[in-house]
């Protein structure tokens, strides 16, 4: 398989048409080798317009390339910024974020996937991304000490999966001017949601595009029934 041609086709045929036009994002997608983060048995699907399963467990997958690219464009991560990702998967999104940020901490609930992400990031020469094994829904705001990087605050928070609603505990971990990206809602249609902290208790929310993504584990699922 010609990986360079497949990567070019992915960018030109999937990602650009999905309104990802930021030249820095497009250049980054050409540099970070997505195929190195895809399970060996699924390498032929590495550039396909689809989610790629990472384990036999439901929901543990790489998001579609155009979704990852659009999230990266929306966040406009800067070189001085500190990023938290929930849902490391194979480490690909963390690698993209690390190329844009000063520091990335990424949480993964599955211990085997967390180790896979560490190995993949090391092989890719990414050293400013730290993978931690843990339940992102449970550990937020529970860092061991104030010197623990997980205590925040963060310039950017990325949920690499969907939630029913954005947890307030996550918004509290944003710096003023910080941004949170999440895919919010219920199937068959969810909204890509970008929340910006504009003050101590003030937030601005934008929902610019629709998609669907597997659930992140253990985040609250409010009842859809109204009484």
N, C-alpha and C. Protein backbone atom coordinates (compact mmCIF):
# COMPACT_ATOMS: atom_id res chain seq x y z
N UNK A 1 0.84 -1.21 0.00
CA UNK A 1 0.00 0.00 0.00
C UNK A 1 0.87 1.25 0.00
N UNK A 2 0.53 2.22 -0.81
CA UNK A 2 1.26 3.49 -0.86
C UNK A 2 0.66 4.42 0.19
N UNK A 3 1.30 4.47 1.37
CA UNK A 3 0.75 5.25 2.47
C UNK A 3 0.73 6.75 2.17
N UNK A 4 1.74 7.24 1.50
CA UNK A 4 1.79 8.68 1.21
C UNK A 4 0.65 9.08 0.27
N UNK A 5 0.37 8.24 -0.72
CA UNK A 5 -0.75 8.54 -1.61
C UNK A 5 -2.07 8.44 -0.87
N UNK A 6 -2.19 7.43 0.01
CA UNK A 6 -3.42 7.28 0.80
C UNK A 6 -3.62 8.47 1.72
N UNK A 7 -2.54 8.96 2.30
CA UNK A 7 -2.63 10.13 3.19
C UNK A 7 -3.04 11.37 2.40
N UNK A 8 -2.45 11.54 1.23
CA UNK A 8 -2.81 12.67 0.36
C UNK A 8 -4.29 12.60 -0.01
N UNK A 9 -4.76 11.42 -0.38
CA UNK A 9 -6.17 11.26 -0.75
C UNK A 9 -7.09 11.54 0.43
N UNK A 10 -6.69 11.09 1.63
CA UNK A 10 -7.49 11.35 2.83
C UNK A 10 -7.66 12.85 3.05
N UNK A 11 -6.56 13.57 2.93
CA UNK A 11 -6.60 15.02 3.17
C UNK A 11 -7.42 15.73 2.10
N UNK A 12 -7.20 15.38 0.84
CA UNK A 12 -7.82 16.11 -0.25
C UNK A 12 -9.27 15.70 -0.51
N UNK A 13 -9.61 14.44 -0.25
CA UNK A 13 -10.94 13.95 -0.61
C UNK A 13 -11.90 13.86 0.58
N UNK A 14 -11.36 13.75 1.78
CA UNK A 14 -12.22 13.66 2.96
C UNK A 14 -12.19 14.93 3.80
N UNK A 15 -10.99 15.42 4.07
CA UNK A 15 -10.81 16.44 5.11
C UNK A 15 -11.05 17.85 4.57
N UNK A 16 -10.44 18.21 3.45
CA UNK A 16 -10.70 19.53 2.87
C UNK A 16 -12.19 19.75 2.58
N UNK A 17 -12.88 18.77 1.95
CA UNK A 17 -14.30 18.98 1.67
C UNK A 17 -15.15 19.15 2.93
N UNK A 18 -14.61 18.78 4.08
CA UNK A 18 -15.36 18.93 5.34
C UNK A 18 -15.00 20.25 6.02
N UNK A 19 -14.60 21.21 5.21
CA UNK A 19 -14.33 22.58 5.66
C UNK A 19 -13.16 22.67 6.62
N UNK A 20 -12.20 21.77 6.50
CA UNK A 20 -10.95 21.90 7.23
C UNK A 20 -9.95 22.53 6.26
N UNK A 21 -9.73 23.82 6.44
CA UNK A 21 -8.93 24.59 5.49
C UNK A 21 -7.72 25.25 6.14
N UNK A 22 -7.55 25.06 7.44
CA UNK A 22 -6.41 25.63 8.17
C UNK A 22 -5.13 24.96 7.65
N UNK A 23 -4.23 25.75 7.09
CA UNK A 23 -3.03 25.18 6.46
C UNK A 23 -2.14 24.47 7.47
N UNK A 24 -2.12 24.96 8.71
CA UNK A 24 -1.29 24.31 9.73
C UNK A 24 -1.84 22.94 10.10
N UNK A 25 -3.15 22.83 10.18
CA UNK A 25 -3.77 21.54 10.47
C UNK A 25 -3.53 20.57 9.32
N UNK A 26 -3.71 21.02 8.10
CA UNK A 26 -3.51 20.15 6.95
C UNK A 26 -2.06 19.68 6.84
N UNK A 27 -1.13 20.59 7.13
CA UNK A 27 0.30 20.22 7.10
C UNK A 27 0.62 19.19 8.17
N UNK A 28 0.01 19.36 9.33
CA UNK A 28 0.24 18.44 10.44
C UNK A 28 -0.27 17.04 10.10
N UNK A 29 -1.44 16.97 9.48
CA UNK A 29 -2.01 15.69 9.09
C UNK A 29 -1.12 14.98 8.06
N UNK A 30 -0.38 15.74 7.29
CA UNK A 30 0.53 15.16 6.31
C UNK A 30 1.80 14.64 6.96
N UNK A 31 2.12 15.15 8.15
CA UNK A 31 3.38 14.80 8.83
C UNK A 31 3.21 13.66 9.82
N UNK A 32 2.15 13.71 10.64
CA UNK A 32 1.94 12.67 11.65
C UNK A 32 1.38 11.42 10.97
N UNK A 33 2.08 10.33 11.08
CA UNK A 33 1.75 9.12 10.33
C UNK A 33 0.62 8.35 11.01
N UNK A 34 -0.57 8.56 10.51
CA UNK A 34 -1.76 7.93 11.09
C UNK A 34 -1.65 6.40 11.10
N UNK A 35 -1.03 5.84 10.07
CA UNK A 35 -0.94 4.38 9.98
C UNK A 35 -0.15 3.76 11.14
N UNK A 36 0.72 4.55 11.77
CA UNK A 36 1.50 4.05 12.90
C UNK A 36 0.67 3.93 14.17
N UNK A 37 -0.55 4.48 14.17
CA UNK A 37 -1.42 4.44 15.33
C UNK A 37 -2.62 3.50 15.12
N UNK A 38 -2.65 2.86 13.96
CA UNK A 38 -3.74 1.94 13.62
C UNK A 38 -3.31 0.51 13.96
N UNK A 39 -4.19 -0.31 14.54
CA UNK A 39 -3.82 -1.71 14.79
C UNK A 39 -3.32 -2.37 13.52
N UNK A 40 -2.23 -3.16 13.60
CA UNK A 40 -1.63 -3.75 12.40
C UNK A 40 -2.62 -4.47 11.51
N UNK A 41 -3.57 -5.17 12.09
CA UNK A 41 -4.54 -5.92 11.28
C UNK A 41 -5.49 -5.02 10.51
N UNK A 42 -5.53 -3.73 10.88
CA UNK A 42 -6.48 -2.81 10.24
C UNK A 42 -5.76 -1.68 9.49
N UNK A 43 -4.47 -1.85 9.23
CA UNK A 43 -3.71 -0.77 8.59
C UNK A 43 -4.29 -0.35 7.25
N UNK A 44 -4.85 -1.29 6.53
CA UNK A 44 -5.42 -0.97 5.22
C UNK A 44 -6.59 0.00 5.34
N UNK A 45 -7.19 0.08 6.53
CA UNK A 45 -8.32 0.98 6.76
C UNK A 45 -7.87 2.30 7.39
N UNK A 46 -6.57 2.47 7.57
CA UNK A 46 -6.06 3.61 8.33
C UNK A 46 -6.48 4.98 7.82
N UNK A 47 -6.74 5.08 6.53
CA UNK A 47 -7.09 6.38 5.94
C UNK A 47 -8.54 6.43 5.45
N UNK A 48 -9.31 5.42 5.81
CA UNK A 48 -10.71 5.36 5.37
C UNK A 48 -11.57 6.33 6.17
N UNK A 49 -12.66 6.75 5.57
CA UNK A 49 -13.60 7.68 6.20
C UNK A 49 -14.52 6.90 7.14
N UNK A 50 -13.95 6.45 8.27
CA UNK A 50 -14.69 5.61 9.20
C UNK A 50 -13.97 5.57 10.55
N UNK A 51 -14.70 5.13 11.58
CA UNK A 51 -14.08 4.86 12.86
C UNK A 51 -13.39 3.49 12.78
N UNK A 52 -12.23 3.37 13.41
CA UNK A 52 -11.48 2.12 13.36
C UNK A 52 -11.47 1.50 14.76
N UNK A 53 -12.06 0.31 14.93
CA UNK A 53 -12.05 -0.34 16.24
C UNK A 53 -10.62 -0.62 16.71
N UNK A 54 -10.39 -0.39 18.00
CA UNK A 54 -9.07 -0.63 18.58
C UNK A 54 -9.03 -1.90 19.42
N UNK A 55 -10.18 -2.30 19.94
CA UNK A 55 -10.29 -3.54 20.71
C UNK A 55 -11.62 -4.20 20.34
N UNK A 56 -11.87 -5.33 20.96
CA UNK A 56 -13.16 -6.01 20.72
C UNK A 56 -14.28 -5.39 21.53
N UNK A 57 -13.97 -4.46 22.42
CA UNK A 57 -14.99 -3.83 23.26
C UNK A 57 -15.70 -2.74 22.48
N UNK A 58 -17.01 -2.62 22.61
CA UNK A 58 -17.76 -1.59 21.89
C UNK A 58 -17.27 -0.19 22.25
N UNK A 59 -17.18 0.67 21.24
CA UNK A 59 -16.89 2.07 21.48
C UNK A 59 -15.43 2.45 21.53
N UNK A 60 -14.52 1.48 21.65
CA UNK A 60 -13.10 1.80 21.73
C UNK A 60 -12.54 1.84 20.31
N UNK A 61 -12.40 3.07 19.80
CA UNK A 61 -12.03 3.22 18.39
C UNK A 61 -11.32 4.53 18.16
N UNK A 62 -10.67 4.62 16.99
CA UNK A 62 -10.17 5.89 16.49
C UNK A 62 -11.33 6.59 15.79
N UNK A 63 -11.51 7.86 16.03
CA UNK A 63 -12.55 8.62 15.34
C UNK A 63 -12.18 8.76 13.87
N UNK A 64 -13.17 9.04 13.05
CA UNK A 64 -12.91 9.23 11.62
C UNK A 64 -11.93 10.39 11.42
N UNK A 65 -11.05 10.31 10.42
CA UNK A 65 -10.04 11.35 10.21
C UNK A 65 -10.62 12.75 10.10
N UNK A 66 -11.73 12.91 9.39
CA UNK A 66 -12.28 14.25 9.20
C UNK A 66 -12.80 14.83 10.51
N UNK A 67 -13.28 13.98 11.42
CA UNK A 67 -13.77 14.45 12.71
C UNK A 67 -12.59 14.93 13.56
N UNK A 68 -11.52 14.15 13.60
CA UNK A 68 -10.32 14.56 14.35
C UNK A 68 -9.78 15.87 13.80
N UNK A 69 -9.74 16.00 12.48
CA UNK A 69 -9.19 17.21 11.86
C UNK A 69 -10.05 18.43 12.16
N UNK A 70 -11.36 18.27 12.11
CA UNK A 70 -12.25 19.40 12.36
C UNK A 70 -12.16 19.86 13.82
N UNK A 71 -12.05 18.90 14.75
CA UNK A 71 -11.87 19.24 16.17
C UNK A 71 -10.57 20.02 16.35
N UNK A 72 -9.51 19.56 15.72
CA UNK A 72 -8.22 20.23 15.84
C UNK A 72 -8.29 21.66 15.29
N UNK A 73 -8.98 21.82 14.18
CA UNK A 73 -9.13 23.16 13.61
C UNK A 73 -9.95 24.06 14.54
N UNK A 74 -11.04 23.54 15.08
CA UNK A 74 -11.90 24.34 15.96
C UNK A 74 -11.14 24.85 17.18
N UNK A 75 -10.26 24.02 17.72
CA UNK A 75 -9.59 24.36 18.99
C UNK A 75 -8.46 25.37 18.81
N UNK A 76 -7.85 25.41 17.63
CA UNK A 76 -6.76 26.37 17.35
C UNK A 76 -5.74 26.39 18.49
N UNK A 77 -5.19 25.21 18.79
CA UNK A 77 -4.23 25.07 19.90
C UNK A 77 -2.96 25.85 19.59
N UNK A 78 -2.43 26.51 20.64
CA UNK A 78 -1.23 27.32 20.49
C UNK A 78 -0.05 26.67 21.23
N UNK A 79 1.18 27.05 20.83
CA UNK A 79 2.39 26.41 21.33
C UNK A 79 2.59 26.54 22.85
N UNK A 80 2.00 27.54 23.47
CA UNK A 80 2.21 27.74 24.91
C UNK A 80 1.15 27.04 25.75
N UNK A 81 0.22 26.32 25.12
CA UNK A 81 -0.96 25.85 25.84
C UNK A 81 -0.82 24.44 26.39
N UNK A 82 -1.55 24.22 27.49
CA UNK A 82 -1.60 22.93 28.17
C UNK A 82 -2.94 22.27 27.86
N UNK A 83 -2.91 21.00 27.45
CA UNK A 83 -4.09 20.32 26.93
C UNK A 83 -4.39 19.07 27.75
N UNK A 84 -5.68 18.84 28.02
CA UNK A 84 -6.15 17.58 28.60
C UNK A 84 -7.04 16.90 27.57
N UNK A 85 -6.73 15.62 27.29
CA UNK A 85 -7.60 14.81 26.44
C UNK A 85 -8.18 13.68 27.27
N UNK A 86 -9.44 13.39 27.07
CA UNK A 86 -10.06 12.23 27.70
C UNK A 86 -10.41 11.23 26.61
N UNK A 87 -9.80 10.05 26.72
CA UNK A 87 -9.98 9.02 25.69
C UNK A 87 -8.79 8.96 24.77
N UNK A 88 -7.66 8.44 25.27
CA UNK A 88 -6.42 8.43 24.49
C UNK A 88 -6.51 7.51 23.28
N UNK A 89 -7.23 6.39 23.43
CA UNK A 89 -7.26 5.43 22.34
C UNK A 89 -5.87 4.94 22.00
N UNK A 90 -5.50 5.03 20.73
CA UNK A 90 -4.18 4.58 20.30
C UNK A 90 -3.13 5.69 20.37
N UNK A 91 -3.55 6.91 20.76
CA UNK A 91 -2.61 8.01 20.92
C UNK A 91 -2.52 8.96 19.75
N UNK A 92 -3.29 8.72 18.69
CA UNK A 92 -3.15 9.55 17.48
C UNK A 92 -3.57 11.00 17.73
N UNK A 93 -4.72 11.21 18.36
CA UNK A 93 -5.15 12.58 18.61
C UNK A 93 -4.19 13.29 19.55
N UNK A 94 -3.67 12.55 20.54
CA UNK A 94 -2.68 13.14 21.45
C UNK A 94 -1.43 13.58 20.69
N UNK A 95 -1.04 12.78 19.70
CA UNK A 95 0.13 13.15 18.89
C UNK A 95 -0.13 14.43 18.11
N UNK A 96 -1.31 14.54 17.50
CA UNK A 96 -1.66 15.77 16.78
C UNK A 96 -1.66 16.97 17.72
N UNK A 97 -2.29 16.82 18.87
CA UNK A 97 -2.36 17.91 19.85
C UNK A 97 -0.97 18.30 20.33
N UNK A 98 -0.12 17.31 20.56
CA UNK A 98 1.21 17.58 21.10
C UNK A 98 2.07 18.39 20.13
N UNK A 99 1.84 18.21 18.85
CA UNK A 99 2.58 19.00 17.86
C UNK A 99 2.17 20.47 17.90
N UNK A 100 0.98 20.75 18.41
CA UNK A 100 0.49 22.13 18.46
C UNK A 100 0.69 22.77 19.84
N UNK A 101 0.77 21.96 20.90
CA UNK A 101 0.72 22.46 22.28
C UNK A 101 2.08 22.38 22.96
N UNK A 102 2.12 22.94 24.16
CA UNK A 102 3.31 22.80 25.01
C UNK A 102 3.31 21.45 25.71
N UNK A 103 2.14 21.06 26.24
CA UNK A 103 2.03 19.83 27.02
C UNK A 103 0.64 19.22 26.82
N UNK A 104 0.59 17.90 26.71
CA UNK A 104 -0.68 17.18 26.61
C UNK A 104 -0.70 16.09 27.68
N UNK A 105 -1.80 16.02 28.42
CA UNK A 105 -2.06 14.88 29.30
C UNK A 105 -3.29 14.20 28.75
N UNK A 106 -3.20 12.90 28.51
CA UNK A 106 -4.33 12.17 27.94
C UNK A 106 -4.68 10.99 28.84
N UNK A 107 -5.96 10.84 29.16
CA UNK A 107 -6.45 9.79 30.05
C UNK A 107 -7.09 8.67 29.22
N UNK A 108 -6.81 7.45 29.63
CA UNK A 108 -7.40 6.28 28.97
C UNK A 108 -7.83 5.27 30.02
N UNK A 109 -9.10 4.89 29.99
CA UNK A 109 -9.66 4.00 31.00
C UNK A 109 -9.18 2.56 30.84
N UNK A 110 -8.86 2.16 29.62
CA UNK A 110 -8.42 0.79 29.34
C UNK A 110 -6.90 0.71 29.46
N UNK A 111 -6.40 -0.10 30.39
CA UNK A 111 -4.96 -0.15 30.66
C UNK A 111 -4.15 -0.61 29.45
N UNK A 112 -4.68 -1.58 28.70
CA UNK A 112 -3.96 -2.06 27.52
C UNK A 112 -3.88 -0.98 26.45
N UNK A 113 -4.97 -0.25 26.25
CA UNK A 113 -4.94 0.85 25.28
C UNK A 113 -4.00 1.96 25.73
N UNK A 114 -3.99 2.24 27.03
CA UNK A 114 -3.09 3.28 27.54
C UNK A 114 -1.64 2.92 27.23
N UNK A 115 -1.29 1.66 27.43
CA UNK A 115 0.09 1.24 27.14
C UNK A 115 0.37 1.30 25.64
N UNK A 116 -0.63 0.93 24.84
CA UNK A 116 -0.48 1.04 23.39
C UNK A 116 -0.23 2.49 22.98
N UNK A 117 -0.99 3.41 23.56
CA UNK A 117 -0.81 4.83 23.24
C UNK A 117 0.59 5.30 23.64
N UNK A 118 1.06 4.89 24.81
CA UNK A 118 2.42 5.27 25.23
C UNK A 118 3.46 4.77 24.23
N UNK A 119 3.31 3.51 23.85
CA UNK A 119 4.26 2.94 22.90
C UNK A 119 4.22 3.66 21.56
N UNK A 120 3.03 3.95 21.08
CA UNK A 120 2.88 4.62 19.78
C UNK A 120 3.47 6.03 19.81
N UNK A 121 3.21 6.75 20.88
CA UNK A 121 3.74 8.11 21.00
C UNK A 121 5.28 8.10 21.07
N UNK A 122 5.81 7.14 21.80
CA UNK A 122 7.28 7.04 21.90
C UNK A 122 7.88 6.74 20.54
N UNK A 123 7.28 5.78 19.82
CA UNK A 123 7.79 5.44 18.48
C UNK A 123 7.71 6.62 17.53
N UNK A 124 6.70 7.46 17.72
CA UNK A 124 6.52 8.63 16.85
C UNK A 124 7.39 9.82 17.27
N UNK A 125 8.13 9.65 18.36
CA UNK A 125 9.00 10.73 18.83
C UNK A 125 8.25 11.88 19.48
N UNK A 126 7.10 11.57 20.06
CA UNK A 126 6.30 12.59 20.75
C UNK A 126 6.56 12.47 22.25
N UNK A 127 7.22 13.48 22.82
CA UNK A 127 7.64 13.38 24.23
C UNK A 127 6.95 14.40 25.14
N UNK A 128 6.10 15.22 24.59
CA UNK A 128 5.38 16.20 25.43
C UNK A 128 3.92 15.80 25.62
N UNK A 129 3.64 14.49 25.45
CA UNK A 129 2.30 13.95 25.72
C UNK A 129 2.45 12.83 26.74
N UNK A 130 1.73 12.95 27.85
CA UNK A 130 1.77 11.95 28.91
C UNK A 130 0.46 11.19 28.94
N UNK A 131 0.54 9.86 28.86
CA UNK A 131 -0.65 9.02 28.92
C UNK A 131 -0.83 8.52 30.35
N UNK A 132 -2.01 8.73 30.89
CA UNK A 132 -2.33 8.22 32.22
C UNK A 132 -3.49 7.23 32.12
N UNK A 133 -3.36 6.14 32.87
CA UNK A 133 -4.43 5.16 32.91
C UNK A 133 -5.42 5.58 33.98
N UNK A 134 -6.69 5.71 33.62
CA UNK A 134 -7.69 6.10 34.60
C UNK A 134 -9.01 6.44 33.96
N UNK A 135 -10.01 6.52 34.79
CA UNK A 135 -11.37 6.86 34.39
C UNK A 135 -11.51 8.37 34.40
N UNK A 136 -11.55 8.97 33.22
CA UNK A 136 -11.64 10.42 33.14
C UNK A 136 -12.87 10.98 33.83
N UNK A 137 -13.96 10.24 33.79
CA UNK A 137 -15.20 10.71 34.42
C UNK A 137 -15.08 10.74 35.94
N UNK A 138 -14.26 9.87 36.50
CA UNK A 138 -14.16 9.76 37.96
C UNK A 138 -13.02 10.59 38.54
N UNK A 139 -11.95 10.78 37.77
CA UNK A 139 -10.74 11.38 38.33
C UNK A 139 -10.66 12.89 38.18
N UNK A 140 -11.59 13.49 37.48
CA UNK A 140 -11.51 14.92 37.26
C UNK A 140 -11.55 15.68 38.58
N UNK A 141 -10.60 16.60 38.70
CA UNK A 141 -10.56 17.41 39.91
C UNK A 141 -10.06 16.65 41.13
N UNK A 142 -9.54 15.42 40.94
CA UNK A 142 -9.07 14.63 42.07
C UNK A 142 -7.58 14.33 41.95
N UNK A 143 -6.81 15.29 41.47
CA UNK A 143 -5.36 15.11 41.38
C UNK A 143 -4.78 14.93 42.77
N UNK A 144 -3.64 14.25 42.82
CA UNK A 144 -3.03 13.92 44.10
C UNK A 144 -2.61 15.17 44.85
N UNK A 145 -2.09 16.15 44.15
CA UNK A 145 -1.65 17.40 44.79
C UNK A 145 -1.73 18.53 43.78
N UNK A 146 -1.56 19.74 44.27
CA UNK A 146 -1.63 20.89 43.37
C UNK A 146 -0.49 20.90 42.36
N UNK A 147 0.59 20.14 42.67
CA UNK A 147 1.71 20.06 41.74
C UNK A 147 1.47 19.01 40.65
N UNK A 148 0.43 18.20 40.80
CA UNK A 148 0.07 17.20 39.80
C UNK A 148 -0.49 17.92 38.58
N UNK A 149 0.08 17.70 37.38
CA UNK A 149 -0.43 18.39 36.19
C UNK A 149 -1.91 18.18 35.94
N UNK A 150 -2.45 17.05 36.44
CA UNK A 150 -3.86 16.76 36.20
C UNK A 150 -4.79 17.69 36.97
N UNK A 151 -4.22 18.44 37.91
CA UNK A 151 -5.06 19.36 38.69
C UNK A 151 -5.47 20.57 37.86
N UNK A 152 -4.82 20.78 36.72
CA UNK A 152 -5.18 21.91 35.87
C UNK A 152 -4.71 23.23 36.46
N UNK A 153 -5.25 24.34 36.00
CA UNK A 153 -6.25 24.45 34.92
C UNK A 153 -5.63 24.22 33.55
N UNK A 154 -6.50 24.06 32.55
CA UNK A 154 -6.06 23.75 31.19
C UNK A 154 -6.51 24.84 30.22
N UNK A 155 -5.70 25.02 29.19
CA UNK A 155 -6.08 25.93 28.10
C UNK A 155 -7.07 25.25 27.16
N UNK A 156 -6.92 23.93 27.02
CA UNK A 156 -7.74 23.17 26.07
C UNK A 156 -8.10 21.83 26.71
N UNK A 157 -9.36 21.42 26.57
CA UNK A 157 -9.81 20.10 26.98
C UNK A 157 -10.52 19.47 25.78
N UNK A 158 -10.16 18.22 25.47
CA UNK A 158 -10.73 17.51 24.33
C UNK A 158 -11.35 16.22 24.81
N UNK A 159 -12.59 15.98 24.46
CA UNK A 159 -13.23 14.69 24.73
C UNK A 159 -13.24 13.92 23.42
N UNK A 160 -12.44 12.87 23.35
CA UNK A 160 -12.34 12.07 22.12
C UNK A 160 -13.39 10.96 22.13
N UNK A 161 -14.61 11.38 22.09
CA UNK A 161 -15.77 10.51 22.16
C UNK A 161 -16.96 11.39 22.52
N UNK A 162 -18.12 10.81 22.65
CA UNK A 162 -19.32 11.61 22.91
C UNK A 162 -19.79 11.51 24.35
N UNK A 163 -20.55 12.53 24.77
CA UNK A 163 -21.18 12.57 26.09
C UNK A 163 -22.60 13.10 25.90
N UNK A 164 -23.46 12.79 26.88
CA UNK A 164 -24.83 13.31 26.81
C UNK A 164 -24.87 14.80 27.04
N UNK A 165 -23.99 15.28 27.91
CA UNK A 165 -23.88 16.71 28.19
C UNK A 165 -22.48 16.99 28.71
N UNK A 166 -22.04 18.23 28.62
CA UNK A 166 -20.70 18.60 29.08
C UNK A 166 -20.72 18.70 30.61
N UNK A 167 -19.88 17.92 31.31
CA UNK A 167 -19.87 17.97 32.78
C UNK A 167 -19.35 19.31 33.30
N UNK A 168 -20.04 19.93 34.25
CA UNK A 168 -19.56 21.18 34.84
C UNK A 168 -18.16 21.05 35.43
N UNK A 169 -17.81 19.87 35.95
CA UNK A 169 -16.48 19.68 36.53
C UNK A 169 -15.38 19.91 35.50
N UNK A 170 -15.66 19.59 34.24
CA UNK A 170 -14.68 19.84 33.19
C UNK A 170 -14.57 21.33 32.89
N UNK A 171 -15.70 22.00 32.81
CA UNK A 171 -15.67 23.44 32.52
C UNK A 171 -14.92 24.19 33.61
N UNK A 172 -15.02 23.71 34.84
CA UNK A 172 -14.32 24.36 35.96
C UNK A 172 -12.81 24.24 35.83
N UNK A 173 -12.35 23.30 35.02
CA UNK A 173 -10.91 23.09 34.86
C UNK A 173 -10.31 23.91 33.73
N UNK A 174 -11.13 24.71 33.06
CA UNK A 174 -10.63 25.58 31.98
C UNK A 174 -10.10 26.90 32.54
N UNK A 175 -9.01 27.36 31.97
CA UNK A 175 -8.57 28.73 32.22
C UNK A 175 -9.52 29.69 31.53
N UNK A 176 -9.53 30.94 31.96
CA UNK A 176 -10.27 31.97 31.22
C UNK A 176 -9.64 32.08 29.83
N UNK A 177 -10.46 32.00 28.81
CA UNK A 177 -9.97 31.95 27.44
C UNK A 177 -9.76 30.53 26.94
N UNK A 178 -9.91 29.55 27.84
CA UNK A 178 -9.73 28.16 27.47
C UNK A 178 -10.92 27.62 26.70
N UNK A 179 -10.68 26.55 25.94
CA UNK A 179 -11.72 25.95 25.09
C UNK A 179 -11.87 24.47 25.39
N UNK A 180 -13.10 24.01 25.35
CA UNK A 180 -13.41 22.59 25.50
C UNK A 180 -14.15 22.12 24.26
N UNK A 181 -13.72 20.98 23.72
CA UNK A 181 -14.39 20.38 22.57
C UNK A 181 -15.00 19.05 22.99
N UNK A 182 -16.27 18.86 22.67
CA UNK A 182 -16.96 17.61 22.97
C UNK A 182 -18.01 17.36 21.90
N UNK A 183 -18.31 16.09 21.67
CA UNK A 183 -19.43 15.71 20.81
C UNK A 183 -20.57 15.36 21.73
N UNK A 184 -21.66 16.13 21.63
CA UNK A 184 -22.71 16.12 22.66
C UNK A 184 -24.05 15.71 22.07
N UNK A 185 -24.77 14.88 22.81
CA UNK A 185 -26.14 14.54 22.42
C UNK A 185 -26.35 13.05 22.31
N UNK A 186 -27.35 12.69 21.51
CA UNK A 186 -27.78 11.31 21.39
C UNK A 186 -27.89 10.94 19.92
N UNK A 187 -27.68 9.64 19.64
CA UNK A 187 -27.90 9.18 18.26
C UNK A 187 -29.37 9.38 17.89
N UNK A 188 -29.65 9.67 16.63
CA UNK A 188 -28.81 9.54 15.45
C UNK A 188 -28.03 10.81 15.08
N UNK A 189 -28.17 11.88 15.87
CA UNK A 189 -27.44 13.09 15.53
C UNK A 189 -26.91 13.75 16.79
N UNK A 190 -25.62 14.02 16.80
CA UNK A 190 -24.97 14.73 17.90
C UNK A 190 -24.36 16.00 17.35
N UNK A 191 -24.02 16.92 18.25
CA UNK A 191 -23.46 18.20 17.83
C UNK A 191 -22.03 18.33 18.34
N UNK A 192 -21.13 18.73 17.46
CA UNK A 192 -19.77 19.09 17.87
C UNK A 192 -19.87 20.41 18.62
N UNK A 193 -19.47 20.40 19.88
CA UNK A 193 -19.70 21.54 20.77
C UNK A 193 -18.37 22.12 21.23
N UNK A 194 -18.22 23.41 21.05
CA UNK A 194 -17.02 24.12 21.49
C UNK A 194 -17.44 25.14 22.54
N UNK A 195 -16.94 24.95 23.77
CA UNK A 195 -17.26 25.84 24.87
C UNK A 195 -16.02 26.65 25.23
N UNK A 196 -16.14 27.97 25.27
CA UNK A 196 -15.04 28.86 25.63
C UNK A 196 -15.35 29.55 26.95
N UNK A 197 -14.40 29.50 27.87
CA UNK A 197 -14.59 30.20 29.15
C UNK A 197 -14.22 31.66 28.94
N UNK A 198 -15.18 32.54 29.12
CA UNK A 198 -14.96 33.97 28.87
C UNK A 198 -14.91 34.78 30.16
N UNK A 199 -15.10 34.13 31.31
CA UNK A 199 -15.04 34.82 32.59
C UNK A 199 -15.06 33.81 33.71
N UNK A 200 -15.06 34.30 34.94
CA UNK A 200 -15.03 33.40 36.09
C UNK A 200 -16.17 32.39 36.06
N UNK A 201 -17.36 32.86 35.72
CA UNK A 201 -18.52 31.96 35.67
C UNK A 201 -19.25 32.03 34.33
N UNK A 202 -18.60 32.62 33.33
CA UNK A 202 -19.26 32.84 32.04
C UNK A 202 -18.62 31.97 30.96
N UNK A 203 -19.49 31.36 30.14
CA UNK A 203 -19.04 30.49 29.06
C UNK A 203 -19.80 30.81 27.79
N UNK A 204 -19.12 30.67 26.66
CA UNK A 204 -19.76 30.85 25.35
C UNK A 204 -19.73 29.51 24.62
N UNK A 205 -20.88 29.09 24.09
CA UNK A 205 -20.99 27.78 23.45
C UNK A 205 -21.34 27.93 21.98
N UNK A 206 -20.62 27.18 21.14
CA UNK A 206 -20.91 27.14 19.71
C UNK A 206 -21.07 25.68 19.28
N UNK A 207 -22.06 25.43 18.43
CA UNK A 207 -22.27 24.08 17.88
C UNK A 207 -22.35 24.21 16.36
N UNK A 208 -21.20 24.00 15.71
CA UNK A 208 -21.08 24.36 14.30
C UNK A 208 -21.35 23.21 13.34
N UNK A 209 -21.28 21.97 13.80
CA UNK A 209 -21.43 20.86 12.85
C UNK A 209 -21.94 19.62 13.57
N UNK A 210 -22.50 18.71 12.77
CA UNK A 210 -23.11 17.49 13.30
C UNK A 210 -22.23 16.28 13.01
N UNK A 211 -22.27 15.33 13.91
CA UNK A 211 -21.57 14.07 13.70
C UNK A 211 -22.13 13.07 14.70
N UNK A 212 -21.56 11.88 14.75
CA UNK A 212 -21.90 10.87 15.75
C UNK A 212 -20.60 10.21 16.18
N UNK A 213 -20.47 9.92 17.47
CA UNK A 213 -19.28 9.26 17.98
C UNK A 213 -19.65 8.34 19.13
N UNK A 214 -18.87 7.28 19.36
CA UNK A 214 -19.14 6.38 20.48
C UNK A 214 -19.04 7.12 21.81
N UNK A 215 -19.76 6.61 22.81
CA UNK A 215 -19.75 7.21 24.14
C UNK A 215 -18.42 7.01 24.86
N UNK A 216 -18.00 8.05 25.58
CA UNK A 216 -16.96 7.88 26.58
C UNK A 216 -17.59 7.20 27.79
N UNK A 217 -16.87 6.26 28.38
CA UNK A 217 -17.44 5.47 29.46
C UNK A 217 -17.62 6.27 30.74
N UNK A 218 -18.72 5.99 31.43
CA UNK A 218 -18.98 6.42 32.81
C UNK A 218 -19.36 7.89 32.98
N UNK A 219 -19.53 8.62 31.87
CA UNK A 219 -20.05 9.98 32.01
C UNK A 219 -21.57 9.90 32.20
N UNK A 220 -22.14 10.87 32.92
CA UNK A 220 -23.58 10.79 33.26
C UNK A 220 -24.47 10.71 32.02
N UNK A 221 -25.51 9.92 32.15
CA UNK A 221 -26.53 9.79 31.11
C UNK A 221 -27.86 10.25 31.69
N UNK A 222 -28.21 11.52 31.54
CA UNK A 222 -29.47 11.99 32.10
C UNK A 222 -30.66 11.32 31.42
N UNK A 223 -31.72 11.18 32.14
CA UNK A 223 -32.93 10.57 31.58
C UNK A 223 -33.46 11.42 30.44
N UNK A 224 -33.88 10.73 29.36
CA UNK A 224 -34.45 11.44 28.21
C UNK A 224 -35.96 11.61 28.36
N UNK A 225 -36.52 11.14 29.48
CA UNK A 225 -37.94 11.24 29.69
C UNK A 225 -38.29 12.48 30.51
N UNK A 226 -39.33 13.16 30.12
CA UNK A 226 -39.79 14.32 30.87
C UNK A 226 -41.13 14.01 31.52
N UNK A 227 -41.25 14.36 32.79
CA UNK A 227 -42.50 14.09 33.52
C UNK A 227 -43.18 15.41 33.87
